[in-house]
Amino acid sequence: MEIINFILAGIHHFLNITWSLLLAFFLLFGGKWCIGNFIEITMPGFMRKSKRAYKEDGE
């Protein structure tokens, strides 16, 4: 049972790091998150002039 808890704790740690990085990149470079067809969050990033910054279609 301790092995399973150790593996699950490792997965939990990895997912926390992954979601933290995803949120950091979203805040820095902007982007669009869509949840189904009814929720859409579009945000320009803090680093708007970066080459990696999110660009809307038609810009």
N, C-alpha and C. Protein backbone atom coordinates (compact mmCIF):
# COMPACT_ATOMS: atom_id res chain seq x y z
N MET A 1 0.82 -1.20 0.00
CA MET A 1 0.00 0.00 0.00
C MET A 1 0.86 1.26 0.00
N GLU A 2 2.01 1.20 0.68
CA GLU A 2 2.89 2.37 0.70
C GLU A 2 3.44 2.66 -0.69
N ILE A 3 3.66 1.62 -1.48
CA ILE A 3 4.17 1.83 -2.85
C ILE A 3 3.14 2.57 -3.68
N ILE A 4 1.88 2.19 -3.55
CA ILE A 4 0.81 2.86 -4.31
C ILE A 4 0.71 4.32 -3.88
N ASN A 5 0.77 4.58 -2.59
CA ASN A 5 0.72 5.97 -2.11
C ASN A 5 1.91 6.78 -2.62
N PHE A 6 3.08 6.15 -2.67
CA PHE A 6 4.28 6.82 -3.18
C PHE A 6 4.12 7.17 -4.66
N ILE A 7 3.59 6.23 -5.45
CA ILE A 7 3.37 6.47 -6.88
C ILE A 7 2.34 7.57 -7.08
N LEU A 8 1.25 7.53 -6.33
CA LEU A 8 0.21 8.55 -6.46
C LEU A 8 0.71 9.92 -6.02
N ALA A 9 1.55 9.97 -5.00
CA ALA A 9 2.14 11.24 -4.58
C ALA A 9 3.06 11.79 -5.67
N GLY A 10 3.80 10.93 -6.34
CA GLY A 10 4.66 11.35 -7.45
C GLY A 10 3.84 11.90 -8.61
N ILE A 11 2.74 11.23 -8.94
CA ILE A 11 1.86 11.71 -10.01
C ILE A 11 1.26 13.06 -9.63
N HIS A 12 0.83 13.19 -8.38
CA HIS A 12 0.25 14.44 -7.90
C HIS A 12 1.26 15.58 -8.00
N HIS A 13 2.49 15.32 -7.61
CA HIS A 13 3.55 16.32 -7.68
C HIS A 13 3.80 16.74 -9.14
N PHE A 14 3.89 15.77 -10.03
CA PHE A 14 4.10 16.05 -11.46
C PHE A 14 2.96 16.89 -12.04
N LEU A 15 1.73 16.56 -11.70
CA LEU A 15 0.59 17.32 -12.22
C LEU A 15 0.55 18.74 -11.66
N ASN A 16 0.93 18.92 -10.40
CA ASN A 16 1.00 20.26 -9.83
C ASN A 16 2.01 21.13 -10.58
N ILE A 17 3.17 20.57 -10.87
CA ILE A 17 4.19 21.32 -11.62
C ILE A 17 3.68 21.64 -13.02
N THR A 18 3.06 20.67 -13.68
CA THR A 18 2.56 20.87 -15.04
C THR A 18 1.51 21.97 -15.09
N TRP A 19 0.53 21.94 -14.19
CA TRP A 19 -0.53 22.96 -14.20
C TRP A 19 0.02 24.33 -13.82
N SER A 20 1.01 24.38 -12.94
CA SER A 20 1.63 25.67 -12.59
C SER A 20 2.34 26.27 -13.78
N LEU A 21 3.07 25.46 -14.54
CA LEU A 21 3.75 25.95 -15.73
C LEU A 21 2.74 26.40 -16.79
N LEU A 22 1.67 25.63 -16.96
CA LEU A 22 0.64 26.00 -17.93
C LEU A 22 0.01 27.34 -17.59
N LEU A 23 -0.30 27.55 -16.33
CA LEU A 23 -0.88 28.82 -15.89
C LEU A 23 0.12 29.96 -16.08
N ALA A 24 1.38 29.72 -15.76
CA ALA A 24 2.40 30.76 -15.91
C ALA A 24 2.55 31.15 -17.38
N PHE A 25 2.60 30.18 -18.30
CA PHE A 25 2.71 30.50 -19.71
C PHE A 25 1.46 31.21 -20.22
N PHE A 26 0.29 30.83 -19.73
CA PHE A 26 -0.95 31.50 -20.15
C PHE A 26 -0.92 32.96 -19.71
N LEU A 27 -0.47 33.23 -18.50
CA LEU A 27 -0.42 34.61 -18.02
C LEU A 27 0.66 35.42 -18.74
N LEU A 28 1.79 34.81 -19.02
CA LEU A 28 2.88 35.54 -19.67
C LEU A 28 2.62 35.81 -21.15
N PHE A 29 2.17 34.81 -21.87
CA PHE A 29 2.07 34.91 -23.32
C PHE A 29 0.65 35.04 -23.83
N GLY A 30 -0.34 34.91 -22.96
CA GLY A 30 -1.73 35.03 -23.38
C GLY A 30 -2.21 33.77 -24.07
N GLY A 31 -3.46 33.79 -24.46
CA GLY A 31 -4.00 32.63 -25.16
C GLY A 31 -5.50 32.59 -25.10
N LYS A 32 -6.03 31.47 -25.56
CA LYS A 32 -7.47 31.25 -25.57
C LYS A 32 -7.74 29.87 -24.99
N TRP A 33 -8.55 29.82 -23.96
CA TRP A 33 -8.99 28.54 -23.40
C TRP A 33 -10.46 28.39 -23.71
N CYS A 34 -10.83 27.28 -24.31
CA CYS A 34 -12.23 27.00 -24.63
C CYS A 34 -12.66 25.76 -23.85
N ILE A 35 -13.83 25.88 -23.24
CA ILE A 35 -14.42 24.74 -22.54
C ILE A 35 -15.75 24.49 -23.22
N GLY A 36 -15.79 23.46 -24.04
CA GLY A 36 -16.99 23.18 -24.81
C GLY A 36 -17.24 24.31 -25.80
N ASN A 37 -18.51 24.58 -26.05
CA ASN A 37 -18.88 25.66 -26.96
C ASN A 37 -19.43 26.86 -26.23
N PHE A 38 -19.36 26.87 -24.91
CA PHE A 38 -20.06 27.92 -24.18
C PHE A 38 -19.15 28.79 -23.32
N ILE A 39 -17.95 28.36 -22.99
CA ILE A 39 -17.04 29.19 -22.19
C ILE A 39 -15.75 29.37 -22.98
N GLU A 40 -15.36 30.62 -23.14
CA GLU A 40 -14.12 30.93 -23.85
C GLU A 40 -13.42 32.07 -23.12
N ILE A 41 -12.18 31.84 -22.74
CA ILE A 41 -11.40 32.87 -22.06
C ILE A 41 -10.24 33.25 -22.98
N THR A 42 -10.24 34.49 -23.44
CA THR A 42 -9.15 34.99 -24.27
C THR A 42 -8.46 36.10 -23.50
N MET A 43 -7.15 36.01 -23.40
CA MET A 43 -6.42 37.00 -22.63
C MET A 43 -5.12 37.34 -23.31
N PRO A 44 -4.84 38.63 -23.51
CA PRO A 44 -3.51 39.00 -23.99
C PRO A 44 -2.51 38.81 -22.86
N GLY A 45 -1.35 38.36 -23.19
CA GLY A 45 -0.35 38.09 -22.16
C GLY A 45 0.35 39.35 -21.69
N PHE A 46 1.10 39.22 -20.62
CA PHE A 46 1.89 40.32 -20.11
C PHE A 46 3.04 40.64 -21.07
N MET A 47 3.51 39.65 -21.80
CA MET A 47 4.59 39.84 -22.76
C MET A 47 3.98 39.89 -24.16
N ARG A 48 3.18 40.90 -24.44
CA ARG A 48 2.42 41.00 -25.68
C ARG A 48 3.30 41.08 -26.92
N LYS A 49 4.49 41.66 -26.80
CA LYS A 49 5.34 41.85 -27.98
C LYS A 49 6.29 40.68 -28.20
N SER A 50 6.15 39.64 -27.42
CA SER A 50 6.99 38.46 -27.57
C SER A 50 6.62 37.71 -28.85
N LYS A 51 7.59 37.01 -29.42
CA LYS A 51 7.30 36.19 -30.60
C LYS A 51 6.37 35.04 -30.27
N ARG A 52 6.36 34.63 -29.01
CA ARG A 52 5.51 33.51 -28.59
C ARG A 52 4.12 33.96 -28.19
N ALA A 53 3.87 35.25 -28.16
CA ALA A 53 2.59 35.75 -27.68
C ALA A 53 1.46 35.26 -28.59
N TYR A 54 0.31 35.04 -27.98
CA TYR A 54 -0.87 34.59 -28.70
C TYR A 54 -1.38 35.69 -29.61
N LYS A 55 -1.65 35.35 -30.87
CA LYS A 55 -2.19 36.32 -31.82
C LYS A 55 -3.57 35.84 -32.25
N GLU A 56 -4.53 36.74 -32.21
CA GLU A 56 -5.88 36.43 -32.69
C GLU A 56 -5.82 36.18 -34.20
N ASP A 57 -6.78 35.44 -34.73
CA ASP A 57 -6.88 35.29 -36.18
C ASP A 57 -7.17 36.63 -36.81
N GLY A 58 -6.45 36.97 -37.86
CA GLY A 58 -6.67 38.22 -38.55
C GLY A 58 -5.78 39.34 -38.07
N GLU A 59 -4.92 39.09 -37.10
CA GLU A 59 -4.00 40.14 -36.64
C GLU A 59 -2.71 40.06 -37.39
